[in-house]
Amino acid sequence: KGGAHRGLGLAWVYGILTNHGGGVAVSSQPGN
């Protein structure tokens, strides 16, 4: 997203969920 973003958002999400004993998964296809 460019220099204005720190790139911590999804890393933070991952940390929160794993600390709860759970997890997070992402699936995606370009344009879909």
Full PDB file with SEQRES, HELIX, SHEET, SSBOND, CRYST1, ORIGX, SCALE, CONECT and MASTER records, all heavy atoms in Angstrom:
SEQRES   1 A   32  LYS GLY GLY ALA HIS ARG GLY LEU GLY LEU ALA TRP VAL          
SEQRES   2 A   32  TYR GLY ILE LEU THR ASN HIS GLY GLY GLY VAL ALA VAL          
SEQRES   3 A   32  SER SER GLN PRO GLY ASN                                      
HELIX    1 AA1 GLY A    9  ASN A   19  1                                  11    
CRYST1    1.000    1.000    1.000  90.00  90.00  90.00 P 1           1          
ORIGX1      1.000000  0.000000  0.000000        0.00000                         
ORIGX2      0.000000  1.000000  0.000000        0.00000                         
ORIGX3      0.000000  0.000000  1.000000        0.00000                         
SCALE1      1.000000  0.000000  0.000000        0.00000                         
SCALE2      0.000000  1.000000  0.000000        0.00000                         
SCALE3      0.000000  0.000000  1.000000        0.00000                         
ATOM      1  N   LYS A   1       0.804  -1.222   0.000  1.00  0.00           N  
ATOM      2  CA  LYS A   1       0.000   0.000   0.000  1.00  0.00           C  
ATOM      3  C   LYS A   1       0.840   1.277   0.000  1.00  0.00           C  
ATOM      4  O   LYS A   1       0.306   2.355   0.191  1.00  0.00           O  
ATOM      5  CB  LYS A   1      -0.928  -0.001   1.222  1.00  0.00           C  
ATOM      6  CG  LYS A   1      -1.909  -1.162   1.222  1.00  0.00           C  
ATOM      7  CD  LYS A   1      -2.768  -1.148   2.463  1.00  0.00           C  
ATOM      8  CE  LYS A   1      -3.741  -2.322   2.467  1.00  0.00           C  
ATOM      9  NZ  LYS A   1      -4.578  -2.330   3.684  1.00  0.00           N  
ATOM     10  N   GLY A   2       2.128   1.167  -0.158  1.00  0.00           N  
ATOM     11  CA  GLY A   2       2.951   2.372  -0.226  1.00  0.00           C  
ATOM     12  C   GLY A   2       3.548   2.738   1.114  1.00  0.00           C  
ATOM     13  O   GLY A   2       3.280   2.115   2.151  1.00  0.00           O  
ATOM     14  N   GLY A   3       4.361   3.796   1.109  1.00  0.00           N  
ATOM     15  CA  GLY A   3       5.138   4.166   2.275  1.00  0.00           C  
ATOM     16  C   GLY A   3       4.326   4.643   3.456  1.00  0.00           C  
ATOM     17  O   GLY A   3       4.810   4.657   4.580  1.00  0.00           O  
ATOM     18  N   ALA A   4       3.084   5.076   3.256  1.00  0.00           N  
ATOM     19  CA  ALA A   4       2.268   5.571   4.362  1.00  0.00           C  
ATOM     20  C   ALA A   4       1.783   4.455   5.270  1.00  0.00           C  
ATOM     21  O   ALA A   4       1.296   4.705   6.368  1.00  0.00           O  
ATOM     22  CB  ALA A   4       1.070   6.354   3.828  1.00  0.00           C  
ATOM     23  N   HIS A   5       1.880   3.206   4.836  1.00  0.00           N  
ATOM     24  CA  HIS A   5       1.395   2.073   5.620  1.00  0.00           C  
ATOM     25  C   HIS A   5       2.567   1.347   6.264  1.00  0.00           C  
ATOM     26  O   HIS A   5       3.624   1.173   5.659  1.00  0.00           O  
ATOM     27  CB  HIS A   5       0.595   1.107   4.737  1.00  0.00           C  
ATOM     28  CG  HIS A   5      -0.705   1.683   4.254  1.00  0.00           C  
ATOM     29  ND1 HIS A   5      -1.890   1.492   4.923  1.00  0.00           N  
ATOM     30  CD2 HIS A   5      -0.992   2.472   3.187  1.00  0.00           C  
ATOM     31  CE1 HIS A   5      -2.863   2.119   4.276  1.00  0.00           C  
ATOM     32  NE2 HIS A   5      -2.343   2.722   3.225  1.00  0.00           N  
ATOM     33  N   ARG A   6       2.349   0.908   7.511  1.00  0.00           N  
ATOM     34  CA  ARG A   6       3.429   0.254   8.256  1.00  0.00           C  
ATOM     35  C   ARG A   6       3.519  -1.244   7.983  1.00  0.00           C  
ATOM     36  O   ARG A   6       4.480  -1.876   8.364  1.00  0.00           O  
ATOM     37  CB  ARG A   6       3.224   0.475   9.764  1.00  0.00           C  
ATOM     38  CG  ARG A   6       3.386   1.927  10.176  1.00  0.00           C  
ATOM     39  CD  ARG A   6       3.059   2.103  11.645  1.00  0.00           C  
ATOM     40  NE  ARG A   6       1.656   1.809  11.905  1.00  0.00           N  
ATOM     41  CZ  ARG A   6       1.147   1.700  13.135  1.00  0.00           C  
ATOM     42  NH1 ARG A   6       1.913   1.840  14.180  1.00  0.00           N  
ATOM     43  NH2 ARG A   6      -0.131   1.452  13.305  1.00  0.00           N  
ATOM     44  N   GLY A   7       2.487  -1.820   7.378  1.00  0.00           N  
ATOM     45  CA  GLY A   7       2.531  -3.246   7.080  1.00  0.00           C  
ATOM     46  C   GLY A   7       2.400  -4.123   8.306  1.00  0.00           C  
ATOM     47  O   GLY A   7       2.932  -5.237   8.341  1.00  0.00           O  
ATOM     48  N   LEU A   8       1.682  -3.657   9.328  1.00  0.00           N  
ATOM     49  CA  LEU A   8       1.546  -4.441  10.559  1.00  0.00           C  
ATOM     50  C   LEU A   8       0.141  -5.022  10.735  1.00  0.00           C  
ATOM     51  O   LEU A   8      -0.080  -5.816  11.634  1.00  0.00           O  
ATOM     52  CB  LEU A   8       1.868  -3.567  11.777  1.00  0.00           C  
ATOM     53  CG  LEU A   8       3.321  -3.107  11.901  1.00  0.00           C  
ATOM     54  CD1 LEU A   8       3.467  -2.136  13.064  1.00  0.00           C  
ATOM     55  CD2 LEU A   8       4.243  -4.300  12.090  1.00  0.00           C  
ATOM     56  N   GLY A   9      -0.812  -4.618   9.868  1.00  0.00           N  
ATOM     57  CA  GLY A   9      -2.208  -4.986  10.074  1.00  0.00           C  
ATOM     58  C   GLY A   9      -2.459  -6.479  10.174  1.00  0.00           C  
ATOM     59  O   GLY A   9      -2.921  -6.980  11.195  1.00  0.00           O  
ATOM     60  N   LEU A  10      -2.137  -7.237   9.105  1.00  0.00           N  
ATOM     61  CA  LEU A  10      -2.427  -8.672   9.118  1.00  0.00           C  
ATOM     62  C   LEU A  10      -1.479  -9.439  10.034  1.00  0.00           C  
ATOM     63  O   LEU A  10      -1.840 -10.488  10.577  1.00  0.00           O  
ATOM     64  CB  LEU A  10      -2.377  -9.221   7.696  1.00  0.00           C  
ATOM     65  CG  LEU A  10      -3.571  -8.811   6.817  1.00  0.00           C  
ATOM     66  CD1 LEU A  10      -3.410  -9.338   5.400  1.00  0.00           C  
ATOM     67  CD2 LEU A  10      -4.884  -9.303   7.421  1.00  0.00           C  
ATOM     68  N   ALA A  11      -0.256  -8.929  10.225  1.00  0.00           N  
ATOM     69  CA  ALA A  11       0.644  -9.555  11.198  1.00  0.00           C  
ATOM     70  C   ALA A  11       0.045  -9.447  12.595  1.00  0.00           C  
ATOM     71  O   ALA A  11       0.130 -10.376  13.409  1.00  0.00           O  
ATOM     72  CB  ALA A  11       2.013  -8.879  11.157  1.00  0.00           C  
ATOM     73  N   TRP A  12      -0.567  -8.302  12.858  1.00  0.00           N  
ATOM     74  CA  TRP A  12      -1.241  -8.084  14.137  1.00  0.00           C  
ATOM     75  C   TRP A  12      -2.422  -9.032  14.289  1.00  0.00           C  
ATOM     76  O   TRP A  12      -2.631  -9.635  15.345  1.00  0.00           O  
ATOM     77  CB  TRP A  12      -1.695  -6.640  14.177  1.00  0.00           C  
ATOM     78  CG  TRP A  12      -2.141  -6.130  15.509  1.00  0.00           C  
ATOM     79  CD1 TRP A  12      -1.969  -6.711  16.720  1.00  0.00           C  
ATOM     80  CD2 TRP A  12      -2.837  -4.911  15.758  1.00  0.00           C  
ATOM     81  NE1 TRP A  12      -2.493  -5.934  17.708  1.00  0.00           N  
ATOM     82  CE2 TRP A  12      -3.033  -4.822  17.156  1.00  0.00           C  
ATOM     83  CE3 TRP A  12      -3.282  -3.876  14.940  1.00  0.00           C  
ATOM     84  CZ2 TRP A  12      -3.681  -3.751  17.751  1.00  0.00           C  
ATOM     85  CZ3 TRP A  12      -3.922  -2.804  15.538  1.00  0.00           C  
ATOM     86  CH2 TRP A  12      -4.126  -2.741  16.918  1.00  0.00           C  
ATOM     87  N   VAL A  13      -3.221  -9.165  13.223  1.00  0.00           N  
ATOM     88  CA  VAL A  13      -4.359 -10.090  13.251  1.00  0.00           C  
ATOM     89  C   VAL A  13      -3.884 -11.513  13.542  1.00  0.00           C  
ATOM     90  O   VAL A  13      -4.454 -12.225  14.378  1.00  0.00           O  
ATOM     91  CB  VAL A  13      -5.122 -10.040  11.902  1.00  0.00           C  
ATOM     92  CG1 VAL A  13      -6.168 -11.153  11.835  1.00  0.00           C  
ATOM     93  CG2 VAL A  13      -5.785  -8.678  11.710  1.00  0.00           C  
ATOM     94  N   TYR A  14      -2.816 -11.921  12.855  1.00  0.00           N  
ATOM     95  CA  TYR A  14      -2.270 -13.269  13.042  1.00  0.00           C  
ATOM     96  C   TYR A  14      -1.850 -13.476  14.498  1.00  0.00           C  
ATOM     97  O   TYR A  14      -2.140 -14.514  15.112  1.00  0.00           O  
ATOM     98  CB  TYR A  14      -1.075 -13.466  12.111  1.00  0.00           C  
ATOM     99  CG  TYR A  14      -0.425 -14.831  12.210  1.00  0.00           C  
ATOM    100  CD1 TYR A  14      -0.904 -15.895  11.464  1.00  0.00           C  
ATOM    101  CD2 TYR A  14       0.664 -15.037  13.049  1.00  0.00           C  
ATOM    102  CE1 TYR A  14      -0.319 -17.147  11.555  1.00  0.00           C  
ATOM    103  CE2 TYR A  14       1.258 -16.283  13.152  1.00  0.00           C  
ATOM    104  CZ  TYR A  14       0.765 -17.335  12.402  1.00  0.00           C  
ATOM    105  OH  TYR A  14       1.346 -18.570  12.504  1.00  0.00           O  
ATOM    106  N   GLY A  15      -1.169 -12.468  15.078  1.00  0.00           N  
ATOM    107  CA  GLY A  15      -0.725 -12.585  16.464  1.00  0.00           C  
ATOM    108  C   GLY A  15      -1.880 -12.687  17.437  1.00  0.00           C  
ATOM    109  O   GLY A  15      -1.848 -13.487  18.377  1.00  0.00           O  
ATOM    110  N   ILE A  16      -2.923 -11.867  17.230  1.00  0.00           N  
ATOM    111  CA  ILE A  16      -4.081 -11.902  18.119  1.00  0.00           C  
ATOM    112  C   ILE A  16      -4.747 -13.271  18.107  1.00  0.00           C  
ATOM    113  O   ILE A  16      -5.049 -13.848  19.154  1.00  0.00           O  
ATOM    114  CB  ILE A  16      -5.094 -10.810  17.713  1.00  0.00           C  
ATOM    115  CG1 ILE A  16      -4.538  -9.418  18.035  1.00  0.00           C  
ATOM    116  CG2 ILE A  16      -6.438 -11.017  18.416  1.00  0.00           C  
ATOM    117  CD1 ILE A  16      -5.381  -8.281  17.496  1.00  0.00           C  
ATOM    118  N   LEU A  17      -4.960 -13.811  16.896  1.00  0.00           N  
ATOM    119  CA  LEU A  17      -5.678 -15.094  16.791  1.00  0.00           C  
ATOM    120  C   LEU A  17      -4.855 -16.254  17.335  1.00  0.00           C  
ATOM    121  O   LEU A  17      -5.382 -17.134  18.017  1.00  0.00           O  
ATOM    122  CB  LEU A  17      -6.079 -15.341  15.340  1.00  0.00           C  
ATOM    123  CG  LEU A  17      -7.457 -14.815  14.899  1.00  0.00           C  
ATOM    124  CD1 LEU A  17      -8.572 -15.448  15.725  1.00  0.00           C  
ATOM    125  CD2 LEU A  17      -7.551 -13.313  14.984  1.00  0.00           C  
ATOM    126  N   THR A  18      -3.567 -16.295  17.040  1.00  0.00           N  
ATOM    127  CA  THR A  18      -2.745 -17.396  17.550  1.00  0.00           C  
ATOM    128  C   THR A  18      -2.596 -17.310  19.062  1.00  0.00           C  
ATOM    129  O   THR A  18      -2.529 -18.336  19.748  1.00  0.00           O  
ATOM    130  CB  THR A  18      -1.360 -17.400  16.880  1.00  0.00           C  
ATOM    131  OG1 THR A  18      -0.753 -16.102  17.014  1.00  0.00           O  
ATOM    132  CG2 THR A  18      -1.483 -17.742  15.404  1.00  0.00           C  
ATOM    133  N   ASN A  19      -2.555 -16.100  19.609  1.00  0.00           N  
ATOM    134  CA  ASN A  19      -2.493 -15.954  21.068  1.00  0.00           C  
ATOM    135  C   ASN A  19      -3.770 -16.436  21.740  1.00  0.00           C  
ATOM    136  O   ASN A  19      -3.763 -16.749  22.935  1.00  0.00           O  
ATOM    137  CB  ASN A  19      -2.234 -14.488  21.448  1.00  0.00           C  
ATOM    138  CG  ASN A  19      -0.801 -14.075  21.213  1.00  0.00           C  
ATOM    139  OD1 ASN A  19       0.094 -14.922  21.136  1.00  0.00           O  
ATOM    140  ND2 ASN A  19      -0.558 -12.773  21.103  1.00  0.00           N  
ATOM    141  N   HIS A  20      -4.861 -16.483  21.005  1.00  0.00           N  
ATOM    142  CA  HIS A  20      -6.124 -17.015  21.526  1.00  0.00           C  
ATOM    143  C   HIS A  20      -6.242 -18.524  21.319  1.00  0.00           C  
ATOM    144  O   HIS A  20      -7.281 -19.110  21.623  1.00  0.00           O  
ATOM    145  CB  HIS A  20      -7.311 -16.325  20.847  1.00  0.00           C  
ATOM    146  CG  HIS A  20      -7.671 -15.001  21.450  1.00  0.00           C  
ATOM    147  ND1 HIS A  20      -6.925 -13.859  21.254  1.00  0.00           N  
ATOM    148  CD2 HIS A  20      -8.699 -14.628  22.265  1.00  0.00           C  
ATOM    149  CE1 HIS A  20      -7.485 -12.847  21.899  1.00  0.00           C  
ATOM    150  NE2 HIS A  20      -8.553 -13.283  22.520  1.00  0.00           N  
ATOM    151  N   GLY A  21      -5.213 -19.144  20.753  1.00  0.00           N  
ATOM    152  CA  GLY A  21      -5.275 -20.580  20.485  1.00  0.00           C  
ATOM    153  C   GLY A  21      -5.995 -20.916  19.206  1.00  0.00           C  
ATOM    154  O   GLY A  21      -6.309 -22.082  18.946  1.00  0.00           O  
ATOM    155  N   GLY A  22      -6.277 -19.907  18.388  1.00  0.00           N  
ATOM    156  CA  GLY A  22      -6.974 -20.132  17.127  1.00  0.00           C  
ATOM    157  C   GLY A  22      -6.068 -19.884  15.945  1.00  0.00           C  
ATOM    158  O   GLY A  22      -4.867 -20.174  16.001  1.00  0.00           O  
ATOM    159  N   GLY A  23      -6.614 -19.362  14.874  1.00  0.00           N  
ATOM    160  CA  GLY A  23      -5.815 -19.124  13.683  1.00  0.00           C  
ATOM    161  C   GLY A  23      -6.570 -18.288  12.676  1.00  0.00           C  
ATOM    162  O   GLY A  23      -7.768 -18.010  12.838  1.00  0.00           O  
ATOM    163  N   VAL A  24      -5.860 -17.879  11.625  1.00  0.00           N  
ATOM    164  CA  VAL A  24      -6.464 -17.095  10.555  1.00  0.00           C  
ATOM    165  C   VAL A  24      -5.925 -17.604   9.229  1.00  0.00           C  
ATOM    166  O   VAL A  24      -4.743 -17.928   9.103  1.00  0.00           O  
ATOM    167  CB  VAL A  24      -6.181 -15.585  10.734  1.00  0.00           C  
ATOM    168  CG1 VAL A  24      -4.692 -15.301  10.809  1.00  0.00           C  
ATOM    169  CG2 VAL A  24      -6.826 -14.768   9.629  1.00  0.00           C  
ATOM    170  N   ALA A  25      -6.810 -17.746   8.252  1.00  0.00           N  
ATOM    171  CA  ALA A  25      -6.428 -18.233   6.922  1.00  0.00           C  
ATOM    172  C   ALA A  25      -6.989 -17.285   5.869  1.00  0.00           C  
ATOM    173  O   ALA A  25      -8.099 -16.752   6.020  1.00  0.00           O  
ATOM    174  CB  ALA A  25      -6.966 -19.646   6.697  1.00  0.00           C  
ATOM    175  N   VAL A  26      -6.213 -17.068   4.809  1.00  0.00           N  
ATOM    176  CA  VAL A  26      -6.631 -16.181   3.723  1.00  0.00           C  
ATOM    177  C   VAL A  26      -6.497 -16.910   2.396  1.00  0.00           C  
ATOM    178  O   VAL A  26      -5.449 -17.494   2.094  1.00  0.00           O  
ATOM    179  CB  VAL A  26      -5.771 -14.898   3.684  1.00  0.00           C  
ATOM    180  CG1 VAL A  26      -6.192 -14.009   2.517  1.00  0.00           C  
ATOM    181  CG2 VAL A  26      -5.890 -14.131   4.995  1.00  0.00           C  
ATOM    182  N   SER A  27      -7.576 -16.891   1.616  1.00  0.00           N  
ATOM    183  CA  SER A  27      -7.522 -17.433   0.259  1.00  0.00           C  
ATOM    184  C   SER A  27      -7.981 -16.334  -0.701  1.00  0.00           C  
ATOM    185  O   SER A  27      -8.870 -15.544  -0.383  1.00  0.00           O  
ATOM    186  CB  SER A  27      -8.411 -18.670   0.119  1.00  0.00           C  
ATOM    187  OG  SER A  27      -9.739 -18.391   0.513  1.00  0.00           O  
ATOM    188  N   SER A  28      -7.345 -16.283  -1.883  1.00  0.00           N  
ATOM    189  CA  SER A  28      -7.660 -15.193  -2.810  1.00  0.00           C  
ATOM    190  C   SER A  28      -7.181 -15.542  -4.209  1.00  0.00           C  
ATOM    191  O   SER A  28      -6.230 -16.313  -4.383  1.00  0.00           O  
ATOM    192  CB  SER A  28      -6.990 -13.901  -2.334  1.00  0.00           C  
ATOM    193  OG  SER A  28      -7.291 -12.827  -3.194  1.00  0.00           O  
ATOM    194  N   GLN A  29      -7.873 -14.959  -5.180  1.00  0.00           N  
ATOM    195  CA  GLN A  29      -7.452 -15.031  -6.570  1.00  0.00           C  
ATOM    196  C   GLN A  29      -7.568 -13.640  -7.175  1.00  0.00           C  
ATOM    197  O   GLN A  29      -8.540 -12.927  -6.919  1.00  0.00           O  
ATOM    198  CB  GLN A  29      -8.326 -16.016  -7.368  1.00  0.00           C  
ATOM    199  CG  GLN A  29      -8.121 -17.469  -6.985  1.00  0.00           C  
ATOM    200  CD  GLN A  29      -8.945 -18.398  -7.865  1.00  0.00           C  
ATOM    201  OE1 GLN A  29      -9.837 -17.949  -8.580  1.00  0.00           O  
ATOM    202  NE2 GLN A  29      -8.644 -19.685  -7.801  1.00  0.00           N  
ATOM    203  N   PRO A  30      -6.593 -13.207  -7.976  1.00  0.00           N  
ATOM    204  CA  PRO A  30      -6.653 -11.877  -8.592  1.00  0.00           C  
ATOM    205  C   PRO A  30      -7.950 -11.694  -9.365  1.00  0.00           C  
ATOM    206  O   PRO A  30      -8.336 -12.539 -10.183  1.00  0.00           O  
ATOM    207  CB  PRO A  30      -5.437 -11.861  -9.517  1.00  0.00           C  
ATOM    208  CG  PRO A  30      -4.490 -12.852  -8.924  1.00  0.00           C  
ATOM    209  CD  PRO A  30      -5.350 -13.935  -8.337  1.00  0.00           C  
ATOM    210  N   GLY A  31      -8.656 -10.613  -9.084  1.00  0.00           N  
ATOM    211  CA  GLY A  31      -9.901 -10.296  -9.775  1.00  0.00           C  
ATOM    212  C   GLY A  31     -11.122 -10.992  -9.228  1.00  0.00           C  
ATOM    213  O   GLY A  31     -12.242 -10.678  -9.632  1.00  0.00           O  
ATOM    214  N   ASN A  32     -10.939 -11.954  -8.318  1.00  0.00           N  
ATOM    215  CA  ASN A  32     -12.074 -12.722  -7.788  1.00  0.00           C  
ATOM    216  C   ASN A  32     -12.248 -12.578  -6.278  1.00  0.00           C  
ATOM    217  O   ASN A  32     -12.909 -13.398  -5.648  1.00  0.00           O  
ATOM    218  CB  ASN A  32     -11.926 -14.199  -8.143  1.00  0.00           C  
ATOM    219  CG  ASN A  32     -12.131 -14.455  -9.621  1.00  0.00           C  
ATOM    220  OD1 ASN A  32     -13.008 -13.857 -10.244  1.00  0.00           O  
ATOM    221  ND2 ASN A  32     -11.308 -15.314 -10.197  1.00  0.00           N  
TER     222      ASN A  32                                                      
MASTER        0    0    0    1    0    0    0    6  221    1    0    3          
END                                                                             
